[in-house]
Each structure stands twice: as C-alpha cells, then as structure tokens.
Amino acid sequence: MAEAASLALIDYGAGNLRSVANALRTVGGTVTVTSDPDVVATADRIVLPGVGSFGACAAGLRAVPGLLEALERRVRANGAPFLGVCVGMQLLATRGLEHGETPGLDWIAGEVRRIEPVDGSVKVPHMGWNDVAPMPHADAAQLIAGGEAYFLHSYAFHAARGRDVAAMTDHGGGIVAAVARDNILGVQFHPEKSQAYGLALLQRFLEWRP
C-alpha cells in the first residue's frame, strides 16, 4: 500500500481534475485540489495536470498569484517529487510553439512542437492506446514501466538532452512519452485514463523518494 502522502493537485483551470484526483485517491494519495501557493509550498508531492493548448495552460498557471514561485521553491529548491501530466508535462519545456511561441517553466530544456509524422497516412492528433518504451538510462527510470497507455495530443516534447527522455512511443515516428530529471517526472499520456497501467504508475509516484 502506498504511503498517505500529502499531495497537491494544482487547479489552474486547465486540467481534468476530477479524474486525476480519483485515480490518485484509488492508489492511496491524500489529495488536495488547490491553487493556494501556501498549500503547494508545504505539499509532500505535487501533480500538475493540463488539457488544452500550451499557451492557454501557461497563461492560466501564471495568472494565479504566487503559484509559480511556490512551485519553484517547493519543487526546484526543496526537491518535492513532481509529476506533470499531458500539457502539465509539456510546460516543463523551455518554450512551446503552439500558435506562436510561449515560454514554459524551463525545468527541462527543450521545446514543444507539432507532431509531424514521417508517414503521411498517420493522423494528428495522436489519440488512443499506444506502447510506452522506457529508457533505462533516464532519471526516475524506475517509475516508467513498459506497457500501453492512453494518449491524446497534437504537440510533442523535444528534449535538448537525451538523458532527460524517460520513455518513447511511436506515432509515424518517435515521440517522447515521458521526461524526467532528479525529482521531476512528466508523462505525455494520461495515467488517469490508462487503467491498470496508469494506476500502477501513480502508485509508484506516491512511493517515490528521489
């Protein structure tokens, strides 16, 4: 059984909060859905969801007074385990190139660009179940298992440093499925929609001691 971690699920108007919260509670998380910087600043673990465009999600996050500063302090300075999901993972990048250029958090160097399949018959968005292939060299490699997860996205993370890529998938060419560095993990897929595979990942996240 996972530890009863104090977990802040960030509410900034850009996430599928109910499904993510329910999945985390299923595996033993003590979840607080919050946009309060004071709660974030003391949370044992932090999850940042995200659905929609990079620009809208970045703007929503920056619109909450004190939230970015609390995240920087708790995650970057204090080392609290962090999980970004879908656009919440993409926001870790230096910048996003969806409808122009938008600065990201720049926690993991790279950029988010539209998927351009090598095979022209492959459709975008990348939607549905697909394989997740772990990269054993990556930080937090122990959190990512091989299996199938549910994806829904038109833009993908391009990491500047290969070691930051924690898993890959394929959709008309290689696509980054997860990134990781130190105490920070981001997944492009949706654990809350990935049934047993996703729940197992969330449980490992609750038990993770980077």
N, C-alpha and C. Protein backbone atom coordinates (compact mmCIF):
# COMPACT_ATOMS: atom_id res chain seq x y z
N MET A 1 0.85 -1.20 0.00
CA MET A 1 0.00 0.00 0.00
C MET A 1 0.88 1.25 0.00
N ALA A 2 0.53 2.22 -0.83
CA ALA A 2 1.29 3.47 -0.90
C ALA A 2 1.13 4.26 0.39
N GLU A 3 2.14 5.07 0.68
CA GLU A 3 2.06 5.94 1.84
C GLU A 3 0.97 6.99 1.63
N ALA A 4 0.41 7.48 2.74
CA ALA A 4 -0.63 8.51 2.65
C ALA A 4 0.05 9.86 2.48
N ALA A 5 0.54 10.13 1.28
CA ALA A 5 1.29 11.35 1.01
C ALA A 5 0.37 12.55 0.96
N SER A 6 0.86 13.69 1.45
CA SER A 6 0.18 14.96 1.28
C SER A 6 0.46 15.43 -0.14
N LEU A 7 -0.57 15.44 -0.97
CA LEU A 7 -0.37 15.68 -2.39
C LEU A 7 -1.22 16.85 -2.87
N ALA A 8 -0.57 17.83 -3.49
CA ALA A 8 -1.27 18.98 -4.06
C ALA A 8 -1.49 18.74 -5.55
N LEU A 9 -2.75 18.70 -5.95
CA LEU A 9 -3.13 18.60 -7.35
C LEU A 9 -3.50 20.01 -7.80
N ILE A 10 -2.68 20.58 -8.69
CA ILE A 10 -2.79 22.00 -8.99
C ILE A 10 -4.01 22.30 -9.86
N ASP A 11 -4.84 23.20 -9.37
CA ASP A 11 -6.03 23.66 -10.08
C ASP A 11 -5.76 25.06 -10.63
N TYR A 12 -5.52 25.14 -11.95
CA TYR A 12 -5.30 26.45 -12.58
C TYR A 12 -6.20 26.61 -13.81
N GLY A 13 -7.31 25.87 -13.78
CA GLY A 13 -8.31 25.99 -14.83
C GLY A 13 -7.95 25.27 -16.10
N ALA A 14 -7.03 24.29 -16.04
CA ALA A 14 -6.56 23.66 -17.28
C ALA A 14 -6.32 22.17 -17.13
N GLY A 15 -7.09 21.51 -16.28
CA GLY A 15 -6.84 20.09 -16.08
C GLY A 15 -8.10 19.29 -15.87
N ASN A 16 -8.01 18.00 -16.13
CA ASN A 16 -9.09 17.06 -15.87
C ASN A 16 -8.99 16.63 -14.41
N LEU A 17 -9.34 17.54 -13.51
CA LEU A 17 -9.01 17.38 -12.11
C LEU A 17 -9.72 16.21 -11.45
N ARG A 18 -11.00 16.04 -11.73
CA ARG A 18 -11.76 15.00 -11.02
C ARG A 18 -11.20 13.62 -11.31
N SER A 19 -10.93 13.33 -12.58
CA SER A 19 -10.42 12.01 -12.95
C SER A 19 -9.03 11.77 -12.35
N VAL A 20 -8.18 12.79 -12.41
CA VAL A 20 -6.83 12.65 -11.86
C VAL A 20 -6.90 12.47 -10.35
N ALA A 21 -7.71 13.26 -9.67
CA ALA A 21 -7.85 13.14 -8.22
C ALA A 21 -8.36 11.77 -7.83
N ASN A 22 -9.37 11.27 -8.54
CA ASN A 22 -9.93 9.95 -8.22
C ASN A 22 -8.89 8.85 -8.39
N ALA A 23 -8.10 8.96 -9.47
CA ALA A 23 -7.07 7.94 -9.71
C ALA A 23 -6.02 7.97 -8.60
N LEU A 24 -5.59 9.15 -8.20
CA LEU A 24 -4.60 9.27 -7.13
C LEU A 24 -5.14 8.74 -5.81
N ARG A 25 -6.40 9.01 -5.51
CA ARG A 25 -7.00 8.51 -4.27
C ARG A 25 -7.14 6.99 -4.30
N THR A 26 -7.40 6.45 -5.47
CA THR A 26 -7.52 5.00 -5.61
C THR A 26 -6.24 4.29 -5.18
N VAL A 27 -5.09 4.92 -5.43
CA VAL A 27 -3.82 4.26 -5.09
C VAL A 27 -3.25 4.78 -3.77
N GLY A 28 -4.05 5.50 -3.00
CA GLY A 28 -3.63 5.83 -1.64
C GLY A 28 -3.20 7.26 -1.39
N GLY A 29 -3.35 8.13 -2.37
CA GLY A 29 -2.93 9.51 -2.18
C GLY A 29 -3.91 10.31 -1.35
N THR A 30 -3.40 11.16 -0.47
CA THR A 30 -4.22 12.12 0.26
C THR A 30 -4.17 13.42 -0.55
N VAL A 31 -5.20 13.65 -1.36
CA VAL A 31 -5.16 14.67 -2.41
C VAL A 31 -5.89 15.93 -1.98
N THR A 32 -5.23 17.07 -2.17
CA THR A 32 -5.87 18.37 -2.03
C THR A 32 -5.82 19.06 -3.39
N VAL A 33 -6.99 19.33 -3.96
CA VAL A 33 -7.07 20.09 -5.21
C VAL A 33 -6.98 21.56 -4.84
N THR A 34 -5.98 22.26 -5.37
CA THR A 34 -5.69 23.59 -4.84
C THR A 34 -5.01 24.49 -5.86
N SER A 35 -5.21 25.78 -5.69
CA SER A 35 -4.40 26.79 -6.37
C SER A 35 -3.74 27.71 -5.34
N ASP A 36 -3.78 27.30 -4.08
CA ASP A 36 -3.25 28.10 -2.98
C ASP A 36 -1.74 27.90 -2.88
N PRO A 37 -0.95 28.95 -3.09
CA PRO A 37 0.50 28.80 -3.01
C PRO A 37 0.99 28.29 -1.66
N ASP A 38 0.30 28.62 -0.59
CA ASP A 38 0.71 28.17 0.73
C ASP A 38 0.56 26.66 0.88
N VAL A 39 -0.48 26.10 0.28
CA VAL A 39 -0.68 24.65 0.31
C VAL A 39 0.38 23.96 -0.55
N VAL A 40 0.64 24.53 -1.72
CA VAL A 40 1.66 23.98 -2.61
C VAL A 40 3.03 24.00 -1.94
N ALA A 41 3.31 25.05 -1.21
CA ALA A 41 4.63 25.24 -0.60
C ALA A 41 4.93 24.23 0.49
N THR A 42 3.91 23.52 1.00
CA THR A 42 4.13 22.55 2.07
C THR A 42 3.75 21.12 1.67
N ALA A 43 3.34 20.92 0.43
CA ALA A 43 2.90 19.60 -0.01
C ALA A 43 4.07 18.63 -0.11
N ASP A 44 3.82 17.37 0.25
CA ASP A 44 4.86 16.35 0.11
C ASP A 44 5.13 16.03 -1.36
N ARG A 45 4.08 16.06 -2.17
CA ARG A 45 4.18 15.76 -3.60
C ARG A 45 3.24 16.68 -4.36
N ILE A 46 3.57 16.91 -5.62
CA ILE A 46 2.79 17.85 -6.44
C ILE A 46 2.51 17.23 -7.80
N VAL A 47 1.27 17.37 -8.25
CA VAL A 47 0.88 16.92 -9.59
C VAL A 47 0.30 18.11 -10.34
N LEU A 48 0.81 18.32 -11.56
CA LEU A 48 0.34 19.40 -12.43
C LEU A 48 -0.31 18.78 -13.66
N PRO A 49 -1.65 18.80 -13.75
CA PRO A 49 -2.32 18.28 -14.94
C PRO A 49 -2.35 19.35 -16.02
N GLY A 50 -2.97 19.04 -17.15
CA GLY A 50 -3.10 20.04 -18.20
C GLY A 50 -3.80 19.48 -19.41
N VAL A 51 -4.85 20.17 -19.84
CA VAL A 51 -5.58 19.80 -21.04
C VAL A 51 -5.83 21.07 -21.83
N GLY A 52 -5.54 21.05 -23.14
CA GLY A 52 -5.75 22.23 -23.97
C GLY A 52 -4.45 22.67 -24.63
N SER A 53 -4.36 23.94 -24.97
CA SER A 53 -3.18 24.43 -25.66
C SER A 53 -2.09 24.83 -24.67
N PHE A 54 -0.85 24.77 -25.13
CA PHE A 54 0.30 25.15 -24.32
C PHE A 54 0.15 26.59 -23.83
N GLY A 55 -0.19 27.50 -24.73
CA GLY A 55 -0.29 28.91 -24.38
C GLY A 55 -1.35 29.19 -23.33
N ALA A 56 -2.52 28.56 -23.50
CA ALA A 56 -3.60 28.79 -22.55
C ALA A 56 -3.24 28.23 -21.17
N CYS A 57 -2.61 27.06 -21.15
CA CYS A 57 -2.23 26.46 -19.87
C CYS A 57 -1.14 27.28 -19.19
N ALA A 58 -0.15 27.74 -19.97
CA ALA A 58 0.90 28.58 -19.39
C ALA A 58 0.32 29.87 -18.83
N ALA A 59 -0.61 30.48 -19.55
CA ALA A 59 -1.23 31.71 -19.08
C ALA A 59 -2.04 31.47 -17.81
N GLY A 60 -2.75 30.35 -17.76
CA GLY A 60 -3.54 30.02 -16.58
C GLY A 60 -2.67 29.83 -15.36
N LEU A 61 -1.54 29.17 -15.53
CA LEU A 61 -0.63 28.94 -14.41
C LEU A 61 -0.03 30.25 -13.92
N ARG A 62 0.34 31.11 -14.85
CA ARG A 62 0.96 32.39 -14.47
C ARG A 62 -0.05 33.38 -13.91
N ALA A 63 -1.33 33.14 -14.13
CA ALA A 63 -2.36 34.08 -13.67
C ALA A 63 -2.66 33.93 -12.18
N VAL A 64 -2.24 32.83 -11.57
CA VAL A 64 -2.53 32.61 -10.15
C VAL A 64 -1.42 33.24 -9.32
N PRO A 65 -1.70 34.29 -8.56
CA PRO A 65 -0.65 34.99 -7.81
C PRO A 65 0.14 34.07 -6.89
N GLY A 66 1.44 34.09 -7.03
CA GLY A 66 2.32 33.35 -6.13
C GLY A 66 2.49 31.88 -6.44
N LEU A 67 1.72 31.35 -7.40
CA LEU A 67 1.76 29.91 -7.63
C LEU A 67 3.07 29.46 -8.26
N LEU A 68 3.55 30.18 -9.27
CA LEU A 68 4.81 29.79 -9.90
C LEU A 68 5.96 29.85 -8.90
N GLU A 69 5.96 30.87 -8.06
CA GLU A 69 7.02 31.00 -7.07
C GLU A 69 6.98 29.84 -6.06
N ALA A 70 5.76 29.45 -5.67
CA ALA A 70 5.62 28.33 -4.74
C ALA A 70 6.09 27.02 -5.38
N LEU A 71 5.76 26.82 -6.65
CA LEU A 71 6.22 25.62 -7.36
C LEU A 71 7.73 25.59 -7.47
N GLU A 72 8.31 26.72 -7.86
CA GLU A 72 9.76 26.79 -7.98
C GLU A 72 10.44 26.46 -6.65
N ARG A 73 9.92 27.02 -5.59
CA ARG A 73 10.54 26.83 -4.28
C ARG A 73 10.38 25.39 -3.81
N ARG A 74 9.17 24.85 -3.93
CA ARG A 74 8.91 23.52 -3.37
C ARG A 74 9.54 22.41 -4.22
N VAL A 75 9.48 22.57 -5.55
CA VAL A 75 9.97 21.51 -6.43
C VAL A 75 11.46 21.69 -6.71
N ARG A 76 11.85 22.87 -7.18
CA ARG A 76 13.23 23.07 -7.61
C ARG A 76 14.18 23.22 -6.42
N ALA A 77 13.78 24.01 -5.42
CA ALA A 77 14.68 24.27 -4.30
C ALA A 77 14.62 23.17 -3.24
N ASN A 78 13.39 22.71 -2.91
CA ASN A 78 13.23 21.76 -1.82
C ASN A 78 13.18 20.30 -2.26
N GLY A 79 13.02 20.05 -3.55
CA GLY A 79 13.10 18.69 -4.05
C GLY A 79 11.87 17.83 -3.86
N ALA A 80 10.68 18.44 -3.72
CA ALA A 80 9.47 17.64 -3.60
C ALA A 80 9.21 16.88 -4.90
N PRO A 81 8.82 15.60 -4.84
CA PRO A 81 8.50 14.85 -6.05
C PRO A 81 7.37 15.52 -6.82
N PHE A 82 7.56 15.63 -8.13
CA PHE A 82 6.64 16.36 -9.01
C PHE A 82 6.27 15.49 -10.21
N LEU A 83 4.99 15.51 -10.57
CA LEU A 83 4.51 14.81 -11.76
C LEU A 83 3.70 15.78 -12.62
N GLY A 84 4.11 15.95 -13.89
CA GLY A 84 3.33 16.71 -14.86
C GLY A 84 2.64 15.76 -15.81
N VAL A 85 1.38 16.02 -16.12
CA VAL A 85 0.58 15.13 -16.96
C VAL A 85 0.11 15.87 -18.21
N CYS A 86 0.37 15.31 -19.38
CA CYS A 86 -0.04 15.84 -20.68
C CYS A 86 0.52 17.26 -20.85
N VAL A 87 -0.31 18.30 -20.93
CA VAL A 87 0.24 19.64 -21.08
C VAL A 87 1.01 20.04 -19.82
N GLY A 88 0.65 19.47 -18.68
CA GLY A 88 1.42 19.70 -17.47
C GLY A 88 2.86 19.21 -17.60
N MET A 89 3.07 18.18 -18.41
CA MET A 89 4.42 17.73 -18.74
C MET A 89 5.05 18.66 -19.76
N GLN A 90 4.31 19.09 -20.77
CA GLN A 90 4.86 19.97 -21.79
C GLN A 90 5.33 21.30 -21.22
N LEU A 91 4.65 21.78 -20.18
CA LEU A 91 5.03 23.06 -19.58
C LEU A 91 6.41 23.03 -18.93
N LEU A 92 6.97 21.84 -18.73
CA LEU A 92 8.32 21.73 -18.20
C LEU A 92 9.36 22.26 -19.18
N ALA A 93 9.01 22.35 -20.46
CA ALA A 93 9.95 22.72 -21.51
C ALA A 93 10.33 24.20 -21.43
N THR A 94 11.37 24.54 -22.18
CA THR A 94 11.80 25.93 -22.28
C THR A 94 10.75 26.79 -22.96
N ARG A 95 10.14 26.23 -24.01
CA ARG A 95 9.13 27.00 -24.75
C ARG A 95 8.20 26.05 -25.49
N GLY A 96 7.01 26.56 -25.80
CA GLY A 96 6.05 25.85 -26.63
C GLY A 96 5.81 26.63 -27.91
N LEU A 97 5.63 25.91 -29.01
CA LEU A 97 5.46 26.55 -30.32
C LEU A 97 4.07 26.29 -30.88
N GLU A 98 3.08 26.33 -30.03
CA GLU A 98 1.69 26.15 -30.45
C GLU A 98 1.04 27.52 -30.57
N HIS A 99 0.64 27.90 -31.80
CA HIS A 99 0.05 29.23 -32.06
C HIS A 99 1.02 30.32 -31.60
N GLY A 100 2.24 30.26 -32.08
CA GLY A 100 3.26 31.21 -31.67
C GLY A 100 4.15 30.62 -30.60
N GLU A 101 5.03 31.43 -30.07
CA GLU A 101 5.99 30.96 -29.06
C GLU A 101 5.57 31.43 -27.67
N THR A 102 5.54 30.48 -26.72
CA THR A 102 5.17 30.77 -25.35
C THR A 102 6.24 30.20 -24.42
N PRO A 103 6.78 30.99 -23.49
CA PRO A 103 7.76 30.45 -22.54
C PRO A 103 7.13 29.39 -21.64
N GLY A 104 7.89 28.32 -21.41
CA GLY A 104 7.50 27.32 -20.44
C GLY A 104 8.20 27.55 -19.12
N LEU A 105 8.18 26.54 -18.26
CA LEU A 105 8.86 26.65 -16.97
C LEU A 105 10.37 26.55 -17.11
N ASP A 106 10.84 25.91 -18.18
CA ASP A 106 12.27 25.71 -18.42
C ASP A 106 12.92 24.88 -17.31
N TRP A 107 12.19 23.90 -16.79
CA TRP A 107 12.76 22.98 -15.81
C TRP A 107 13.52 21.85 -16.51
N ILE A 108 13.07 21.49 -17.71
CA ILE A 108 13.77 20.50 -18.53
C ILE A 108 13.92 21.12 -19.92
N ALA A 109 15.15 21.40 -20.31
CA ALA A 109 15.40 22.15 -21.54
C ALA A 109 14.84 21.41 -22.76
N GLY A 110 14.17 22.18 -23.61
CA GLY A 110 13.60 21.62 -24.82
C GLY A 110 12.45 22.48 -25.29
N GLU A 111 11.79 22.02 -26.34
CA GLU A 111 10.64 22.76 -26.85
C GLU A 111 9.54 21.79 -27.27
N VAL A 112 8.33 22.32 -27.32
CA VAL A 112 7.15 21.54 -27.67
C VAL A 112 6.70 21.97 -29.06
N ARG A 113 6.71 21.00 -30.00
CA ARG A 113 6.39 21.28 -31.40
C ARG A 113 5.28 20.36 -31.89
N ARG A 114 4.61 20.78 -32.93
CA ARG A 114 3.54 19.97 -33.52
C ARG A 114 4.10 18.65 -34.03
N ILE A 115 3.35 17.59 -33.82
CA ILE A 115 3.73 16.28 -34.33
C ILE A 115 3.69 16.30 -35.86
N GLU A 116 4.78 15.87 -36.48
CA GLU A 116 4.86 15.79 -37.94
C GLU A 116 5.27 14.37 -38.32
N PRO A 117 4.31 13.48 -38.50
CA PRO A 117 4.62 12.08 -38.79
C PRO A 117 5.42 11.92 -40.08
N VAL A 118 6.39 11.02 -40.05
CA VAL A 118 7.14 10.69 -41.27
C VAL A 118 6.21 10.03 -42.28
N ASP A 119 5.31 9.21 -41.79
CA ASP A 119 4.31 8.54 -42.62
C ASP A 119 3.10 9.46 -42.75
N GLY A 120 2.83 9.95 -43.96
CA GLY A 120 1.75 10.90 -44.18
C GLY A 120 0.37 10.35 -43.93
N SER A 121 0.23 9.03 -43.85
CA SER A 121 -1.08 8.43 -43.59
C SER A 121 -1.43 8.43 -42.11
N VAL A 122 -0.45 8.75 -41.26
CA VAL A 122 -0.68 8.77 -39.81
C VAL A 122 -1.32 10.11 -39.43
N LYS A 123 -2.41 10.03 -38.71
CA LYS A 123 -3.18 11.23 -38.41
C LYS A 123 -2.73 11.89 -37.11
N VAL A 124 -2.91 13.19 -37.09
CA VAL A 124 -2.70 14.00 -35.90
C VAL A 124 -4.05 14.64 -35.57
N PRO A 125 -4.51 14.58 -34.30
CA PRO A 125 -3.76 14.25 -33.08
C PRO A 125 -3.44 12.76 -32.93
N HIS A 126 -2.43 12.52 -32.11
CA HIS A 126 -2.10 11.18 -31.66
C HIS A 126 -3.11 10.83 -30.56
N MET A 127 -4.04 9.92 -30.87
CA MET A 127 -5.15 9.66 -29.96
C MET A 127 -5.35 8.16 -29.80
N GLY A 128 -5.43 7.70 -28.56
CA GLY A 128 -5.72 6.32 -28.27
C GLY A 128 -4.57 5.63 -27.55
N TRP A 129 -4.66 4.31 -27.49
CA TRP A 129 -3.69 3.50 -26.77
C TRP A 129 -2.44 3.30 -27.60
N ASN A 130 -1.28 3.38 -26.94
CA ASN A 130 -0.02 3.17 -27.64
C ASN A 130 1.03 2.66 -26.64
N ASP A 131 2.05 2.00 -27.19
CA ASP A 131 3.11 1.45 -26.36
C ASP A 131 3.94 2.54 -25.70
N VAL A 132 4.41 2.26 -24.50
CA VAL A 132 5.37 3.11 -23.79
C VAL A 132 6.64 2.29 -23.62
N ALA A 133 7.74 2.81 -24.18
CA ALA A 133 9.03 2.11 -24.12
C ALA A 133 9.96 2.88 -23.20
N PRO A 134 10.28 2.37 -22.01
CA PRO A 134 11.13 3.08 -21.06
C PRO A 134 12.57 3.21 -21.57
N MET A 135 13.22 4.29 -21.16
CA MET A 135 14.63 4.50 -21.41
C MET A 135 15.38 4.23 -20.10
N PRO A 136 16.09 3.10 -19.97
CA PRO A 136 16.67 2.72 -18.68
C PRO A 136 17.74 3.67 -18.16
N HIS A 137 18.28 4.53 -19.03
CA HIS A 137 19.32 5.47 -18.59
C HIS A 137 18.76 6.67 -17.85
N ALA A 138 17.48 6.91 -17.95
CA ALA A 138 16.89 8.18 -17.52
C ALA A 138 16.80 8.29 -16.00
N ASP A 139 16.82 9.53 -15.49
CA ASP A 139 16.45 9.78 -14.11
C ASP A 139 14.99 9.32 -13.94
N ALA A 140 14.66 8.78 -12.77
CA ALA A 140 13.30 8.30 -12.48
C ALA A 140 12.89 7.15 -13.40
N ALA A 141 13.88 6.44 -13.97
CA ALA A 141 13.55 5.32 -14.86
C ALA A 141 12.73 4.26 -14.15
N GLN A 142 12.91 4.14 -12.84
CA GLN A 142 12.19 3.11 -12.09
C GLN A 142 10.68 3.37 -12.04
N LEU A 143 10.25 4.58 -12.38
CA LEU A 143 8.82 4.89 -12.35
C LEU A 143 8.10 4.47 -13.62
N ILE A 144 8.82 4.34 -14.72
CA ILE A 144 8.19 4.07 -16.01
C ILE A 144 8.38 2.61 -16.38
N ALA A 145 7.28 1.89 -16.51
CA ALA A 145 7.31 0.50 -16.94
C ALA A 145 6.88 0.41 -18.40
N GLY A 146 7.27 -0.64 -19.07
CA GLY A 146 6.77 -0.88 -20.40
C GLY A 146 5.30 -1.27 -20.35
N GLY A 147 4.57 -0.91 -21.36
CA GLY A 147 3.15 -1.24 -21.41
C GLY A 147 2.42 -0.33 -22.36
N GLU A 148 1.11 -0.24 -22.21
CA GLU A 148 0.29 0.60 -23.07
C GLU A 148 -0.42 1.66 -22.24
N ALA A 149 -0.43 2.88 -22.77
CA ALA A 149 -1.09 4.00 -22.10
C ALA A 149 -1.94 4.76 -23.10
N TYR A 150 -2.81 5.61 -22.56
CA TYR A 150 -3.74 6.38 -23.40
C TYR A 150 -3.17 7.78 -23.67
N PHE A 151 -3.07 8.12 -24.94
CA PHE A 151 -2.54 9.41 -25.38
C PHE A 151 -3.63 10.23 -26.07
N LEU A 152 -3.52 11.55 -25.94
CA LEU A 152 -4.36 12.47 -26.72
C LEU A 152 -3.63 13.81 -26.81
N HIS A 153 -2.91 14.02 -27.95
CA HIS A 153 -2.14 15.26 -28.10
C HIS A 153 -1.75 15.46 -29.56
N SER A 154 -1.54 16.72 -29.91
CA SER A 154 -1.08 17.10 -31.25
C SER A 154 0.32 17.68 -31.24
N TYR A 155 0.86 17.97 -30.07
CA TYR A 155 2.19 18.55 -29.91
C TYR A 155 3.01 17.63 -29.02
N ALA A 156 4.33 17.62 -29.25
CA ALA A 156 5.20 16.70 -28.54
C ALA A 156 6.44 17.41 -28.03
N PHE A 157 6.98 16.89 -26.95
CA PHE A 157 8.17 17.42 -26.29
C PHE A 157 9.42 16.97 -27.05
N HIS A 158 10.31 17.91 -27.35
CA HIS A 158 11.61 17.61 -27.94
C HIS A 158 12.67 18.07 -26.94
N ALA A 159 13.24 17.11 -26.22
CA ALA A 159 14.19 17.43 -25.15
C ALA A 159 15.55 17.79 -25.74
N ALA A 160 16.20 18.78 -25.14
CA ALA A 160 17.53 19.19 -25.59
C ALA A 160 18.59 18.18 -25.17
N ARG A 161 18.32 17.42 -24.11
CA ARG A 161 19.28 16.47 -23.58
C ARG A 161 18.67 15.08 -23.59
N GLY A 162 19.31 14.14 -24.28
CA GLY A 162 18.76 12.80 -24.41
C GLY A 162 18.50 12.12 -23.08
N ARG A 163 19.33 12.40 -22.09
CA ARG A 163 19.17 11.75 -20.79
C ARG A 163 17.86 12.14 -20.11
N ASP A 164 17.28 13.26 -20.49
CA ASP A 164 16.03 13.69 -19.88
C ASP A 164 14.82 12.93 -20.43
N VAL A 165 14.99 12.18 -21.50
CA VAL A 165 13.89 11.40 -22.07
C VAL A 165 13.76 10.10 -21.28
N ALA A 166 12.62 9.91 -20.62
CA ALA A 166 12.40 8.73 -19.77
C ALA A 166 11.67 7.62 -20.50
N ALA A 167 10.94 7.94 -21.57
CA ALA A 167 10.23 6.91 -22.33
C ALA A 167 9.86 7.47 -23.70
N MET A 168 9.71 6.56 -24.65
CA MET A 168 9.31 6.92 -26.01
C MET A 168 8.08 6.12 -26.42
N THR A 169 7.37 6.65 -27.41
CA THR A 169 6.33 5.91 -28.09
C THR A 169 6.51 6.16 -29.58
N ASP A 170 5.63 5.60 -30.41
CA ASP A 170 5.76 5.77 -31.86
C ASP A 170 4.40 6.12 -32.46
N HIS A 171 4.42 7.20 -33.26
CA HIS A 171 3.21 7.58 -34.00
C HIS A 171 3.67 8.22 -35.30
N GLY A 172 3.96 7.37 -36.28
CA GLY A 172 4.56 7.86 -37.52
C GLY A 172 5.96 8.38 -37.31
N GLY A 173 6.66 7.84 -36.32
CA GLY A 173 7.99 8.29 -35.90
C GLY A 173 8.03 8.37 -34.39
N GLY A 174 9.23 8.48 -33.84
CA GLY A 174 9.38 8.50 -32.39
C GLY A 174 8.82 9.76 -31.75
N ILE A 175 8.13 9.58 -30.63
CA ILE A 175 7.55 10.68 -29.85
C ILE A 175 7.92 10.46 -28.39
N VAL A 176 8.31 11.53 -27.73
CA VAL A 176 8.65 11.44 -26.30
C VAL A 176 7.38 11.18 -25.50
N ALA A 177 7.40 10.10 -24.74
CA ALA A 177 6.25 9.73 -23.90
C ALA A 177 6.42 10.18 -22.46
N ALA A 178 7.68 10.39 -22.03
CA ALA A 178 7.93 10.84 -20.66
C ALA A 178 9.30 11.50 -20.59
N VAL A 179 9.40 12.48 -19.70
CA VAL A 179 10.68 13.13 -19.42
C VAL A 179 10.91 13.09 -17.91
N ALA A 180 12.18 13.13 -17.50
CA ALA A 180 12.48 13.10 -16.07
C ALA A 180 13.84 13.71 -15.82
N ARG A 181 13.93 14.37 -14.67
CA ARG A 181 15.22 14.87 -14.18
C ARG A 181 15.10 15.03 -12.68
N ASP A 182 16.01 14.37 -11.96
CA ASP A 182 16.05 14.47 -10.50
C ASP A 182 14.69 14.10 -9.91
N ASN A 183 14.00 15.04 -9.25
CA ASN A 183 12.72 14.79 -8.60
C ASN A 183 11.53 15.15 -9.47
N ILE A 184 11.76 15.36 -10.77
CA ILE A 184 10.71 15.84 -11.68
C ILE A 184 10.43 14.77 -12.74
N LEU A 185 9.16 14.40 -12.88
CA LEU A 185 8.71 13.46 -13.90
C LEU A 185 7.56 14.08 -14.67
N GLY A 186 7.57 13.94 -15.99
CA GLY A 186 6.45 14.37 -16.81
C GLY A 186 6.07 13.25 -17.76
N VAL A 187 4.76 13.02 -17.92
CA VAL A 187 4.28 11.99 -18.85
C VAL A 187 3.32 12.62 -19.85
N GLN A 188 3.50 12.29 -21.12
CA GLN A 188 2.64 12.82 -22.17
C GLN A 188 1.27 12.14 -22.16
N PHE A 189 1.24 10.89 -21.76
CA PHE A 189 -0.01 10.13 -21.72
C PHE A 189 -0.82 10.49 -20.47
N HIS A 190 -2.02 9.95 -20.40
CA HIS A 190 -2.92 10.21 -19.28
C HIS A 190 -2.98 9.00 -18.36
N PRO A 191 -2.28 9.01 -17.22
CA PRO A 191 -2.37 7.86 -16.31
C PRO A 191 -3.79 7.59 -15.83
N GLU A 192 -4.55 8.67 -15.64
CA GLU A 192 -5.91 8.51 -15.11
C GLU A 192 -6.85 7.84 -16.10
N LYS A 193 -6.45 7.77 -17.37
CA LYS A 193 -7.25 7.10 -18.40
C LYS A 193 -6.61 5.80 -18.87
N SER A 194 -5.51 5.42 -18.23
CA SER A 194 -4.73 4.27 -18.70
C SER A 194 -4.92 3.02 -17.85
N GLN A 195 -6.03 2.96 -17.15
CA GLN A 195 -6.45 1.77 -16.42
C GLN A 195 -5.34 1.24 -15.51
N ALA A 196 -5.11 -0.06 -15.48
CA ALA A 196 -4.16 -0.65 -14.53
C ALA A 196 -2.75 -0.10 -14.73
N TYR A 197 -2.37 0.13 -15.99
CA TYR A 197 -1.02 0.66 -16.26
C TYR A 197 -0.85 2.03 -15.60
N GLY A 198 -1.83 2.90 -15.77
CA GLY A 198 -1.74 4.24 -15.21
C GLY A 198 -1.79 4.26 -13.70
N LEU A 199 -2.65 3.43 -13.11
CA LEU A 199 -2.73 3.37 -11.65
C LEU A 199 -1.42 2.88 -11.04
N ALA A 200 -0.78 1.91 -11.70
CA ALA A 200 0.50 1.41 -11.19
C ALA A 200 1.56 2.51 -11.22
N LEU A 201 1.56 3.33 -12.28
CA LEU A 201 2.50 4.44 -12.35
C LEU A 201 2.24 5.43 -11.21
N LEU A 202 0.98 5.78 -10.98
CA LEU A 202 0.66 6.73 -9.92
C LEU A 202 1.04 6.18 -8.55
N GLN A 203 0.87 4.90 -8.34
CA GLN A 203 1.27 4.31 -7.07
C GLN A 203 2.78 4.40 -6.88
N ARG A 204 3.53 4.12 -7.94
CA ARG A 204 4.98 4.24 -7.84
C ARG A 204 5.39 5.69 -7.56
N PHE A 205 4.65 6.64 -8.15
CA PHE A 205 4.95 8.05 -7.88
C PHE A 205 4.75 8.38 -6.41
N LEU A 206 3.67 7.86 -5.80
CA LEU A 206 3.42 8.12 -4.37
C LEU A 206 4.51 7.53 -3.49
N GLU A 207 5.14 6.47 -3.94
CA GLU A 207 6.17 5.79 -3.16
C GLU A 207 7.59 6.29 -3.48
N TRP A 208 7.70 7.13 -4.47
CA TRP A 208 9.00 7.59 -4.98
C TRP A 208 9.70 8.49 -3.98
N ARG A 209 10.99 8.20 -3.74
CA ARG A 209 11.81 9.02 -2.86
C ARG A 209 13.09 9.42 -3.61
N PRO A 210 12.99 10.41 -4.49
CA PRO A 210 14.16 10.80 -5.30
C PRO A 210 15.27 11.43 -4.45
